Amino acid sequence: DGNWVQMEDFVYNAPSLKEAGNSFYGKNLELYLPDGTPLCSD
């Protein structure tokens, strides 16, 4: 950790999330929803 970065090490950081009080702001990224739907389009 620190030398090698996994995408889950990133956090949701869009200022609009904080402004809206979104609970995911500052939390680590997730690639899929529980039903397998991807949260990244590419």
PDB file of all heavy atoms in Angstrom:
ATOM      1  N   ASP A   1       0.839  -1.190   0.000  1.00  0.00           N
ATOM      2  CA  ASP A   1       0.000   0.000   0.000  1.00  0.00           C
ATOM      3  C   ASP A   1       0.878   1.246   0.000  1.00  0.00           C
ATOM      4  O   ASP A   1       1.833   1.344   0.767  1.00  0.00           O
ATOM      5  CB  ASP A   1      -0.905   0.016   1.232  1.00  0.00           C
ATOM      6  CG  ASP A   1      -2.015  -1.017   1.159  1.00  0.00           C
ATOM      7  OD1 ASP A   1      -2.263  -1.525   0.054  1.00  0.00           O
ATOM      8  OD2 ASP A   1      -2.627  -1.320   2.206  1.00  0.00           O
ATOM      9  N   GLY A   2       0.531   2.175  -0.847  1.00  0.00           N
ATOM     10  CA  GLY A   2       1.327   3.398  -0.979  1.00  0.00           C
ATOM     11  C   GLY A   2       2.263   3.319  -2.161  1.00  0.00           C
ATOM     12  O   GLY A   2       2.413   4.285  -2.909  1.00  0.00           O
ATOM     13  N   ASN A   3       2.912   2.171  -2.324  1.00  0.00           N
ATOM     14  CA  ASN A   3       3.742   1.965  -3.511  1.00  0.00           C
ATOM     15  C   ASN A   3       2.882   1.557  -4.699  1.00  0.00           C
ATOM     16  O   ASN A   3       3.122   1.986  -5.826  1.00  0.00           O
ATOM     17  CB  ASN A   3       4.807   0.906  -3.252  1.00  0.00           C
ATOM     18  CG  ASN A   3       5.917   1.403  -2.352  1.00  0.00           C
ATOM     19  OD1 ASN A   3       6.157   2.606  -2.259  1.00  0.00           O
ATOM     20  ND2 ASN A   3       6.592   0.499  -1.668  1.00  0.00           N
ATOM     21  N   TRP A   4       1.911   0.704  -4.423  1.00  0.00           N
ATOM     22  CA  TRP A   4       0.993   0.228  -5.464  1.00  0.00           C
ATOM     23  C   TRP A   4      -0.390   0.769  -5.156  1.00  0.00           C
ATOM     24  O   TRP A   4      -0.854   0.686  -4.026  1.00  0.00           O
ATOM     25  CB  TRP A   4       0.976  -1.298  -5.496  1.00  0.00           C
ATOM     26  CG  TRP A   4       0.243  -1.848  -6.677  1.00  0.00           C
ATOM     27  CD1 TRP A   4      -1.091  -2.134  -6.748  1.00  0.00           C
ATOM     28  CD2 TRP A   4       0.778  -2.166  -7.957  1.00  0.00           C
ATOM     29  NE1 TRP A   4      -1.416  -2.607  -7.983  1.00  0.00           N
ATOM     30  CE2 TRP A   4      -0.288  -2.635  -8.750  1.00  0.00           C
ATOM     31  CE3 TRP A   4       2.059  -2.086  -8.506  1.00  0.00           C
ATOM     32  CZ2 TRP A   4      -0.108  -3.030 -10.079  1.00  0.00           C
ATOM     33  CZ3 TRP A   4       2.232  -2.482  -9.822  1.00  0.00           C
ATOM     34  CH2 TRP A   4       1.161  -2.956 -10.602  1.00  0.00           C
ATOM     35  N   VAL A   5      -1.026   1.338  -6.154  1.00  0.00           N
ATOM     36  CA  VAL A   5      -2.339   1.944  -5.960  1.00  0.00           C
ATOM     37  C   VAL A   5      -3.403   1.098  -6.645  1.00  0.00           C
ATOM     38  O   VAL A   5      -3.288   0.768  -7.831  1.00  0.00           O
ATOM     39  CB  VAL A   5      -2.380   3.386  -6.516  1.00  0.00           C
ATOM     40  CG1 VAL A   5      -3.799   3.959  -6.431  1.00  0.00           C
ATOM     41  CG2 VAL A   5      -1.408   4.266  -5.758  1.00  0.00           C
ATOM     42  N   GLN A   6      -4.428   0.736  -5.883  1.00  0.00           N
ATOM     43  CA  GLN A   6      -5.608   0.082  -6.430  1.00  0.00           C
ATOM     44  C   GLN A   6      -6.716   1.120  -6.552  1.00  0.00           C
ATOM     45  O   GLN A   6      -6.778   2.086  -5.781  1.00  0.00           O
ATOM     46  CB  GLN A   6      -6.030  -1.081  -5.540  1.00  0.00           C
ATOM     47  CG  GLN A   6      -4.960  -2.175  -5.467  1.00  0.00           C
ATOM     48  CD  GLN A   6      -5.347  -3.296  -4.506  1.00  0.00           C
ATOM     49  OE1 GLN A   6      -5.659  -3.030  -3.354  1.00  0.00           O
ATOM     50  NE2 GLN A   6      -5.317  -4.525  -4.988  1.00  0.00           N
ATOM     51  N   MET A   7      -7.602   0.932  -7.500  1.00  0.00           N
ATOM     52  CA  MET A   7      -8.648   1.930  -7.721  1.00  0.00           C
ATOM     53  C   MET A   7      -9.501   2.134  -6.471  1.00  0.00           C
ATOM     54  O   MET A   7     -10.017   3.238  -6.232  1.00  0.00           O
ATOM     55  CB  MET A   7      -9.533   1.516  -8.893  1.00  0.00           C
ATOM     56  CG  MET A   7      -8.851   1.648 -10.246  1.00  0.00           C
ATOM     57  SD  MET A   7      -8.232   3.317 -10.616  1.00  0.00           S
ATOM     58  CE  MET A   7      -9.741   4.262 -10.609  1.00  0.00           C
ATOM     59  N   GLU A   8      -9.635   1.097  -5.673  1.00  0.00           N
ATOM     60  CA  GLU A   8     -10.405   1.226  -4.438  1.00  0.00           C
ATOM     61  C   GLU A   8      -9.715   2.107  -3.403  1.00  0.00           C
ATOM     62  O   GLU A   8     -10.323   2.441  -2.373  1.00  0.00           O
ATOM     63  CB  GLU A   8     -10.691  -0.162  -3.858  1.00  0.00           C
ATOM     64  CG  GLU A   8     -11.657  -1.017  -4.665  1.00  0.00           C
ATOM     65  CD  GLU A   8     -11.008  -1.701  -5.861  1.00  0.00           C
ATOM     66  OE1 GLU A   8      -9.781  -1.558  -6.046  1.00  0.00           O
ATOM     67  OE2 GLU A   8     -11.727  -2.401  -6.607  1.00  0.00           O
ATOM     68  N   ASP A   9      -8.450   2.493  -3.676  1.00  0.00           N
ATOM     69  CA  ASP A   9      -7.762   3.435  -2.787  1.00  0.00           C
ATOM     70  C   ASP A   9      -8.240   4.870  -3.027  1.00  0.00           C
ATOM     71  O   ASP A   9      -8.100   5.718  -2.147  1.00  0.00           O
ATOM     72  CB  ASP A   9      -6.247   3.361  -2.996  1.00  0.00           C
ATOM     73  CG  ASP A   9      -5.667   2.015  -2.599  1.00  0.00           C
ATOM     74  OD1 ASP A   9      -6.224   1.374  -1.691  1.00  0.00           O
ATOM     75  OD2 ASP A   9      -4.651   1.609  -3.200  1.00  0.00           O
ATOM     76  N   PHE A  10      -8.762   5.147  -4.215  1.00  0.00           N
ATOM     77  CA  PHE A  10      -9.330   6.467  -4.479  1.00  0.00           C
ATOM     78  C   PHE A  10     -10.629   6.633  -3.692  1.00  0.00           C
ATOM     79  O   PHE A  10     -11.280   5.646  -3.324  1.00  0.00           O
ATOM     80  CB  PHE A  10      -9.632   6.635  -5.974  1.00  0.00           C
ATOM     81  CG  PHE A  10      -8.432   6.854  -6.840  1.00  0.00           C
ATOM     82  CD1 PHE A  10      -7.732   5.787  -7.384  1.00  0.00           C
ATOM     83  CD2 PHE A  10      -8.008   8.146  -7.140  1.00  0.00           C
ATOM     84  CE1 PHE A  10      -6.634   5.991  -8.205  1.00  0.00           C
ATOM     85  CE2 PHE A  10      -6.903   8.356  -7.958  1.00  0.00           C
ATOM     86  CZ  PHE A  10      -6.216   7.282  -8.484  1.00  0.00           C
ATOM     87  N   VAL A  11     -11.020   7.879  -3.482  1.00  0.00           N
ATOM     88  CA  VAL A  11     -12.293   8.159  -2.815  1.00  0.00           C
ATOM     89  C   VAL A  11     -13.112   9.100  -3.692  1.00  0.00           C
ATOM     90  O   VAL A  11     -12.568   9.838  -4.523  1.00  0.00           O
ATOM     91  CB  VAL A  11     -12.091   8.787  -1.414  1.00  0.00           C
ATOM     92  CG1 VAL A  11     -11.307   7.845  -0.515  1.00  0.00           C
ATOM     93  CG2 VAL A  11     -11.388  10.145  -1.516  1.00  0.00           C
ATOM     94  N   TYR A  12     -14.415   9.062  -3.495  1.00  0.00           N
ATOM     95  CA  TYR A  12     -15.301   9.996  -4.197  1.00  0.00           C
ATOM     96  C   TYR A  12     -15.025  11.401  -3.678  1.00  0.00           C
ATOM     97  O   TYR A  12     -15.144  11.666  -2.482  1.00  0.00           O
ATOM     98  CB  TYR A  12     -16.762   9.621  -3.951  1.00  0.00           C
ATOM     99  CG  TYR A  12     -17.127   8.246  -4.457  1.00  0.00           C
ATOM    100  CD1 TYR A  12     -17.386   7.199  -3.566  1.00  0.00           C
ATOM    101  CD2 TYR A  12     -17.214   7.985  -5.819  1.00  0.00           C
ATOM    102  CE1 TYR A  12     -17.728   5.937  -4.028  1.00  0.00           C
ATOM    103  CE2 TYR A  12     -17.550   6.712  -6.294  1.00  0.00           C
ATOM    104  CZ  TYR A  12     -17.805   5.694  -5.384  1.00  0.00           C
ATOM    105  OH  TYR A  12     -18.135   4.442  -5.850  1.00  0.00           O
ATOM    106  N   ASN A  13     -14.626  12.299  -4.583  1.00  0.00           N
ATOM    107  CA  ASN A  13     -14.173  13.616  -4.133  1.00  0.00           C
ATOM    108  C   ASN A  13     -14.845  14.784  -4.839  1.00  0.00           C
ATOM    109  O   ASN A  13     -14.415  15.930  -4.691  1.00  0.00           O
ATOM    110  CB  ASN A  13     -12.654  13.729  -4.307  1.00  0.00           C
ATOM    111  CG  ASN A  13     -12.239  13.900  -5.765  1.00  0.00           C
ATOM    112  OD1 ASN A  13     -12.873  13.336  -6.668  1.00  0.00           O
ATOM    113  ND2 ASN A  13     -11.189  14.663  -6.010  1.00  0.00           N
ATOM    114  N   ALA A  14     -15.869  14.532  -5.654  1.00  0.00           N
ATOM    115  CA  ALA A  14     -16.521  15.620  -6.370  1.00  0.00           C
ATOM    116  C   ALA A  14     -17.111  16.624  -5.375  1.00  0.00           C
ATOM    117  O   ALA A  14     -17.882  16.236  -4.488  1.00  0.00           O
ATOM    118  CB  ALA A  14     -17.616  15.077  -7.279  1.00  0.00           C
ATOM    119  N   PRO A  15     -16.764  17.916  -5.485  1.00  0.00           N
ATOM    120  CA  PRO A  15     -17.306  18.923  -4.557  1.00  0.00           C
ATOM    121  C   PRO A  15     -18.830  18.946  -4.516  1.00  0.00           C
ATOM    122  O   PRO A  15     -19.424  19.243  -3.473  1.00  0.00           O
ATOM    123  CB  PRO A  15     -16.744  20.235  -5.101  1.00  0.00           C
ATOM    124  CG  PRO A  15     -15.482  19.840  -5.793  1.00  0.00           C
ATOM    125  CD  PRO A  15     -15.787  18.511  -6.411  1.00  0.00           C
ATOM    126  N   SER A  16     -19.466  18.607  -5.656  1.00  0.00           N
ATOM    127  CA  SER A  16     -20.936  18.609  -5.690  1.00  0.00           C
ATOM    128  C   SER A  16     -21.521  17.595  -4.705  1.00  0.00           C
ATOM    129  O   SER A  16     -22.627  17.801  -4.189  1.00  0.00           O
ATOM    130  CB  SER A  16     -21.425  18.302  -7.105  1.00  0.00           C
ATOM    131  OG  SER A  16     -20.930  17.051  -7.555  1.00  0.00           O
ATOM    132  N   LEU A  17     -20.793  16.527  -4.446  1.00  0.00           N
ATOM    133  CA  LEU A  17     -21.280  15.534  -3.477  1.00  0.00           C
ATOM    134  C   LEU A  17     -21.307  16.126  -2.074  1.00  0.00           C
ATOM    135  O   LEU A  17     -22.272  15.930  -1.319  1.00  0.00           O
ATOM    136  CB  LEU A  17     -20.386  14.287  -3.504  1.00  0.00           C
ATOM    137  CG  LEU A  17     -20.354  13.474  -4.798  1.00  0.00           C
ATOM    138  CD1 LEU A  17     -19.365  12.323  -4.667  1.00  0.00           C
ATOM    139  CD2 LEU A  17     -21.742  12.947  -5.144  1.00  0.00           C
ATOM    140  N   LYS A  18     -20.244  16.836  -1.728  1.00  0.00           N
ATOM    141  CA  LYS A  18     -20.202  17.448  -0.392  1.00  0.00           C
ATOM    142  C   LYS A  18     -21.278  18.512  -0.249  1.00  0.00           C
ATOM    143  O   LYS A  18     -21.964  18.590   0.785  1.00  0.00           O
ATOM    144  CB  LYS A  18     -18.828  18.053  -0.135  1.00  0.00           C
ATOM    145  CG  LYS A  18     -18.687  18.620   1.270  1.00  0.00           C
ATOM    146  CD  LYS A  18     -17.303  19.166   1.534  1.00  0.00           C
ATOM    147  CE  LYS A  18     -17.208  19.686   2.972  1.00  0.00           C
ATOM    148  NZ  LYS A  18     -15.868  20.248   3.272  1.00  0.00           N
ATOM    149  N   GLU A  19     -21.443  19.311  -1.310  1.00  0.00           N
ATOM    150  CA  GLU A  19     -22.445  20.370  -1.264  1.00  0.00           C
ATOM    151  C   GLU A  19     -23.843  19.795  -1.072  1.00  0.00           C
ATOM    152  O   GLU A  19     -24.693  20.406  -0.404  1.00  0.00           O
ATOM    153  CB  GLU A  19     -22.388  21.191  -2.552  1.00  0.00           C
ATOM    154  CG  GLU A  19     -21.097  21.990  -2.710  1.00  0.00           C
ATOM    155  CD  GLU A  19     -20.952  22.591  -4.095  1.00  0.00           C
ATOM    156  OE1 GLU A  19     -21.905  22.431  -4.904  1.00  0.00           O
ATOM    157  OE2 GLU A  19     -19.907  23.206  -4.378  1.00  0.00           O
ATOM    158  N   ALA A  20     -24.086  18.611  -1.670  1.00  0.00           N
ATOM    159  CA  ALA A  20     -25.403  17.986  -1.564  1.00  0.00           C
ATOM    160  C   ALA A  20     -25.545  17.130  -0.307  1.00  0.00           C
ATOM    161  O   ALA A  20     -26.616  16.557  -0.070  1.00  0.00           O
ATOM    162  CB  ALA A  20     -25.670  17.136  -2.806  1.00  0.00           C
ATOM    163  N   GLY A  21     -24.469  17.035   0.476  1.00  0.00           N
ATOM    164  CA  GLY A  21     -24.523  16.198   1.670  1.00  0.00           C
ATOM    165  C   GLY A  21     -24.579  14.714   1.359  1.00  0.00           C
ATOM    166  O   GLY A  21     -25.098  13.918   2.158  1.00  0.00           O
ATOM    167  N   ASN A  22     -24.044  14.326   0.201  1.00  0.00           N
ATOM    168  CA  ASN A  22     -24.080  12.921  -0.218  1.00  0.00           C
ATOM    169  C   ASN A  22     -23.190  12.085   0.702  1.00  0.00           C
ATOM    170  O   ASN A  22     -22.030  12.415   0.959  1.00  0.00           O
ATOM    171  CB  ASN A  22     -23.604  12.807  -1.669  1.00  0.00           C
ATOM    172  CG  ASN A  22     -23.841  11.440  -2.269  1.00  0.00           C
ATOM    173  OD1 ASN A  22     -23.308  10.450  -1.807  1.00  0.00           O
ATOM    174  ND2 ASN A  22     -24.657  11.404  -3.310  1.00  0.00           N
ATOM    175  N   SER A  23     -23.724  10.969   1.178  1.00  0.00           N
ATOM    176  CA  SER A  23     -23.016  10.135   2.151  1.00  0.00           C
ATOM    177  C   SER A  23     -21.810   9.428   1.563  1.00  0.00           C
ATOM    178  O   SER A  23     -20.962   8.921   2.308  1.00  0.00           O
ATOM    179  CB  SER A  23     -23.971   9.097   2.747  1.00  0.00           C
ATOM    180  OG  SER A  23     -24.466   8.227   1.734  1.00  0.00           O
ATOM    181  N   PHE A  24     -21.703   9.381   0.222  1.00  0.00           N
ATOM    182  CA  PHE A  24     -20.572   8.685  -0.395  1.00  0.00           C
ATOM    183  C   PHE A  24     -19.340   9.578  -0.512  1.00  0.00           C
ATOM    184  O   PHE A  24     -18.254   9.094  -0.827  1.00  0.00           O
ATOM    185  CB  PHE A  24     -20.956   8.147  -1.775  1.00  0.00           C
ATOM    186  CG  PHE A  24     -21.910   6.986  -1.721  1.00  0.00           C
ATOM    187  CD1 PHE A  24     -23.254   7.160  -2.029  1.00  0.00           C
ATOM    188  CD2 PHE A  24     -21.472   5.738  -1.326  1.00  0.00           C
ATOM    189  CE1 PHE A  24     -24.131   6.101  -1.969  1.00  0.00           C
ATOM    190  CE2 PHE A  24     -22.341   4.662  -1.256  1.00  0.00           C
ATOM    191  CZ  PHE A  24     -23.683   4.845  -1.575  1.00  0.00           C
ATOM    192  N   TYR A  25     -19.497  10.864  -0.285  1.00  0.00           N
ATOM    193  CA  TYR A  25     -18.356  11.771  -0.365  1.00  0.00           C
ATOM    194  C   TYR A  25     -17.266  11.339   0.619  1.00  0.00           C
ATOM    195  O   TYR A  25     -17.505  11.131   1.804  1.00  0.00           O
ATOM    196  CB  TYR A  25     -18.790  13.202  -0.043  1.00  0.00           C
ATOM    197  CG  TYR A  25     -17.654  14.208  -0.117  1.00  0.00           C
ATOM    198  CD1 TYR A  25     -17.160  14.638  -1.335  1.00  0.00           C
ATOM    199  CD2 TYR A  25     -17.068  14.712   1.047  1.00  0.00           C
ATOM    200  CE1 TYR A  25     -16.125  15.560  -1.416  1.00  0.00           C
ATOM    201  CE2 TYR A  25     -16.032  15.640   0.988  1.00  0.00           C
ATOM    202  CZ  TYR A  25     -15.569  16.046  -0.252  1.00  0.00           C
ATOM    203  OH  TYR A  25     -14.534  16.949  -0.322  1.00  0.00           O
ATOM    204  N   GLY A  26     -16.025  11.166   0.102  1.00  0.00           N
ATOM    205  CA  GLY A  26     -14.899  10.774   0.934  1.00  0.00           C
ATOM    206  C   GLY A  26     -14.767   9.287   1.149  1.00  0.00           C
ATOM    207  O   GLY A  26     -13.784   8.833   1.760  1.00  0.00           O
ATOM    208  N   LYS A  27     -15.715   8.494   0.635  1.00  0.00           N
ATOM    209  CA  LYS A  27     -15.638   7.044   0.797  1.00  0.00           C
ATOM    210  C   LYS A  27     -14.912   6.423  -0.399  1.00  0.00           C
ATOM    211  O   LYS A  27     -14.865   6.987  -1.491  1.00  0.00           O
ATOM    212  CB  LYS A  27     -17.036   6.449   0.930  1.00  0.00           C
ATOM    213  CG  LYS A  27     -17.726   6.815   2.245  1.00  0.00           C
ATOM    214  CD  LYS A  27     -19.039   6.075   2.402  1.00  0.00           C
ATOM    215  CE  LYS A  27     -19.684   6.401   3.748  1.00  0.00           C
ATOM    216  NZ  LYS A  27     -20.985   5.706   3.916  1.00  0.00           N
ATOM    217  N   ASN A  28     -14.351   5.245  -0.183  1.00  0.00           N
ATOM    218  CA  ASN A  28     -13.583   4.570  -1.235  1.00  0.00           C
ATOM    219  C   ASN A  28     -14.477   4.145  -2.394  1.00  0.00           C
ATOM    220  O   ASN A  28     -15.659   3.838  -2.219  1.00  0.00           O
ATOM    221  CB  ASN A  28     -12.863   3.347  -0.663  1.00  0.00           C
ATOM    222  CG  ASN A  28     -11.839   3.726   0.375  1.00  0.00           C
ATOM    223  OD1 ASN A  28     -12.122   3.746   1.568  1.00  0.00           O
ATOM    224  ND2 ASN A  28     -10.639   4.051  -0.065  1.00  0.00           N
ATOM    225  N   LEU A  29     -13.861   4.133  -3.592  1.00  0.00           N
ATOM    226  CA  LEU A  29     -14.605   3.780  -4.792  1.00  0.00           C
ATOM    227  C   LEU A  29     -15.095   2.342  -4.759  1.00  0.00           C
ATOM    228  O   LEU A  29     -14.481   1.465  -4.162  1.00  0.00           O
ATOM    229  CB  LEU A  29     -13.727   3.960  -6.043  1.00  0.00           C
ATOM    230  CG  LEU A  29     -13.107   5.325  -6.318  1.00  0.00           C
ATOM    231  CD1 LEU A  29     -12.538   5.344  -7.730  1.00  0.00           C
ATOM    232  CD2 LEU A  29     -14.087   6.448  -6.104  1.00  0.00           C
ATOM    233  N   GLU A  30     -16.193   2.127  -5.447  1.00  0.00           N
ATOM    234  CA  GLU A  30     -16.734   0.793  -5.683  1.00  0.00           C
ATOM    235  C   GLU A  30     -16.925   0.636  -7.179  1.00  0.00           C
ATOM    236  O   GLU A  30     -17.312   1.584  -7.868  1.00  0.00           O
ATOM    237  CB  GLU A  30     -18.075   0.614  -4.969  1.00  0.00           C
ATOM    238  CG  GLU A  30     -18.016   0.787  -3.458  1.00  0.00           C
ATOM    239  CD  GLU A  30     -19.392   0.692  -2.817  1.00  0.00           C
ATOM    240  OE1 GLU A  30     -20.206  -0.126  -3.308  1.00  0.00           O
ATOM    241  OE2 GLU A  30     -19.660   1.443  -1.871  1.00  0.00           O
ATOM    242  N   LEU A  31     -16.644  -0.561  -7.696  1.00  0.00           N
ATOM    243  CA  LEU A  31     -16.772  -0.782  -9.139  1.00  0.00           C
ATOM    244  C   LEU A  31     -18.162  -1.264  -9.529  1.00  0.00           C
ATOM    245  O   LEU A  31     -18.659  -0.924 -10.597  1.00  0.00           O
ATOM    246  CB  LEU A  31     -15.725  -1.788  -9.622  1.00  0.00           C
ATOM    247  CG  LEU A  31     -15.712  -2.105 -11.121  1.00  0.00           C
ATOM    248  CD1 LEU A  31     -15.589  -0.824 -11.963  1.00  0.00           C
ATOM    249  CD2 LEU A  31     -14.584  -3.071 -11.469  1.00  0.00           C
ATOM    250  N   TYR A  32     -18.792  -2.070  -8.659  1.00  0.00           N
ATOM    251  CA  TYR A  32     -20.080  -2.652  -9.018  1.00  0.00           C
ATOM    252  C   TYR A  32     -21.125  -2.422  -7.928  1.00  0.00           C
ATOM    253  O   TYR A  32     -20.807  -2.351  -6.733  1.00  0.00           O
ATOM    254  CB  TYR A  32     -19.944  -4.167  -9.231  1.00  0.00           C
ATOM    255  CG  TYR A  32     -19.033  -4.561 -10.365  1.00  0.00           C
ATOM    256  CD1 TYR A  32     -17.768  -5.081 -10.104  1.00  0.00           C
ATOM    257  CD2 TYR A  32     -19.434  -4.420 -11.691  1.00  0.00           C
ATOM    258  CE1 TYR A  32     -16.929  -5.460 -11.140  1.00  0.00           C
ATOM    259  CE2 TYR A  32     -18.603  -4.796 -12.740  1.00  0.00           C
ATOM    260  CZ  TYR A  32     -17.350  -5.314 -12.459  1.00  0.00           C
ATOM    261  OH  TYR A  32     -16.521  -5.680 -13.483  1.00  0.00           O
ATOM    262  N   LEU A  33     -22.373  -2.349  -8.363  1.00  0.00           N
ATOM    263  CA  LEU A  33     -23.500  -2.430  -7.451  1.00  0.00           C
ATOM    264  C   LEU A  33     -23.706  -3.899  -7.070  1.00  0.00           C
ATOM    265  O   LEU A  33     -23.179  -4.799  -7.743  1.00  0.00           O
ATOM    266  CB  LEU A  33     -24.765  -1.881  -8.123  1.00  0.00           C
ATOM    267  CG  LEU A  33     -24.807  -0.372  -8.374  1.00  0.00           C
ATOM    268  CD1 LEU A  33     -26.063  -0.011  -9.173  1.00  0.00           C
ATOM    269  CD2 LEU A  33     -24.767   0.401  -7.069  1.00  0.00           C
ATOM    270  N   PRO A  34     -24.459  -4.181  -6.032  1.00  0.00           N
ATOM    271  CA  PRO A  34     -24.688  -5.584  -5.645  1.00  0.00           C
ATOM    272  C   PRO A  34     -25.251  -6.452  -6.770  1.00  0.00           C
ATOM    273  O   PRO A  34     -25.001  -7.665  -6.798  1.00  0.00           O
ATOM    274  CB  PRO A  34     -25.688  -5.453  -4.486  1.00  0.00           C
ATOM    275  CG  PRO A  34     -25.377  -4.124  -3.886  1.00  0.00           C
ATOM    276  CD  PRO A  34     -25.036  -3.237  -5.050  1.00  0.00           C
ATOM    277  N   ASP A  35     -26.002  -5.848  -7.703  1.00  0.00           N
ATOM    278  CA  ASP A  35     -26.561  -6.641  -8.803  1.00  0.00           C
ATOM    279  C   ASP A  35     -25.603  -6.792  -9.973  1.00  0.00           C
ATOM    280  O   ASP A  35     -25.961  -7.348 -11.018  1.00  0.00           O
ATOM    281  CB  ASP A  35     -27.887  -6.032  -9.279  1.00  0.00           C
ATOM    282  CG  ASP A  35     -27.696  -4.637  -9.899  1.00  0.00           C
ATOM    283  OD1 ASP A  35     -26.544  -4.149  -9.948  1.00  0.00           O
ATOM    284  OD2 ASP A  35     -28.697  -4.038 -10.322  1.00  0.00           O
ATOM    285  N   GLY A  36     -24.356  -6.290  -9.825  1.00  0.00           N
ATOM    286  CA  GLY A  36     -23.350  -6.430 -10.868  1.00  0.00           C
ATOM    287  C   GLY A  36     -23.283  -5.276 -11.841  1.00  0.00           C
ATOM    288  O   GLY A  36     -22.447  -5.278 -12.762  1.00  0.00           O
ATOM    289  N   THR A  37     -24.129  -4.278 -11.675  1.00  0.00           N
ATOM    290  CA  THR A  37     -24.096  -3.117 -12.556  1.00  0.00           C
ATOM    291  C   THR A  37     -22.808  -2.329 -12.325  1.00  0.00           C
ATOM    292  O   THR A  37     -22.508  -1.953 -11.189  1.00  0.00           O
ATOM    293  CB  THR A  37     -25.301  -2.195 -12.302  1.00  0.00           C
ATOM    294  OG1 THR A  37     -26.514  -2.936 -12.505  1.00  0.00           O
ATOM    295  CG2 THR A  37     -25.264  -0.989 -13.230  1.00  0.00           C
ATOM    296  N   PRO A  38     -22.023  -2.058 -13.395  1.00  0.00           N
ATOM    297  CA  PRO A  38     -20.772  -1.314 -13.214  1.00  0.00           C
ATOM    298  C   PRO A  38     -21.033   0.162 -12.951  1.00  0.00           C
ATOM    299  O   PRO A  38     -21.958   0.752 -13.503  1.00  0.00           O
ATOM    300  CB  PRO A  38     -20.041  -1.521 -14.536  1.00  0.00           C
ATOM    301  CG  PRO A  38     -21.134  -1.769 -15.535  1.00  0.00           C
ATOM    302  CD  PRO A  38     -22.208  -2.496 -14.793  1.00  0.00           C
ATOM    303  N   LEU A  39     -20.190   0.737 -12.104  1.00  0.00           N
ATOM    304  CA  LEU A  39     -20.284   2.156 -11.776  1.00  0.00           C
ATOM    305  C   LEU A  39     -19.278   2.983 -12.569  1.00  0.00           C
ATOM    306  O   LEU A  39     -19.196   4.200 -12.392  1.00  0.00           O
ATOM    307  CB  LEU A  39     -20.059   2.365 -10.281  1.00  0.00           C
ATOM    308  CG  LEU A  39     -21.120   1.715  -9.377  1.00  0.00           C
ATOM    309  CD1 LEU A  39     -20.702   1.769  -7.922  1.00  0.00           C
ATOM    310  CD2 LEU A  39     -22.460   2.406  -9.568  1.00  0.00           C
ATOM    311  N   CYS A  40     -18.506   2.314 -13.425  1.00  0.00           N
ATOM    312  CA  CYS A  40     -17.534   2.978 -14.295  1.00  0.00           C
ATOM    313  C   CYS A  40     -17.867   2.585 -15.727  1.00  0.00           C
ATOM    314  O   CYS A  40     -17.969   1.393 -16.038  1.00  0.00           O
ATOM    315  CB  CYS A  40     -16.113   2.559 -13.934  1.00  0.00           C
ATOM    316  SG  CYS A  40     -14.845   3.215 -15.032  1.00  0.00           S
ATOM    317  N   SER A  41     -18.033   3.581 -16.596  1.00  0.00           N
ATOM    318  CA  SER A  41     -18.485   3.302 -17.958  1.00  0.00           C
ATOM    319  C   SER A  41     -17.368   2.836 -18.884  1.00  0.00           C
ATOM    320  O   SER A  41     -17.644   2.343 -19.969  1.00  0.00           O
ATOM    321  CB  SER A  41     -19.161   4.544 -18.553  1.00  0.00           C
ATOM    322  OG  SER A  41     -18.255   5.635 -18.599  1.00  0.00           O
ATOM    323  N   ASP A  42     -16.117   3.009 -18.490  1.00  0.00           N
ATOM    324  CA  ASP A  42     -14.989   2.594 -19.341  1.00  0.00           C
ATOM    325  C   ASP A  42     -13.881   2.047 -18.457  1.00  0.00           C
ATOM    326  O   ASP A  42     -12.969   2.767 -18.067  1.00  0.00           O
ATOM    327  CB  ASP A  42     -14.488   3.765 -20.178  1.00  0.00           C
ATOM    328  CG  ASP A  42     -13.387   3.364 -21.163  1.00  0.00           C
ATOM    329  OD1 ASP A  42     -13.060   2.165 -21.226  1.00  0.00           O
ATOM    330  OD2 ASP A  42     -12.855   4.247 -21.852  1.00  0.00           O
TER     331      ASP A  42
END
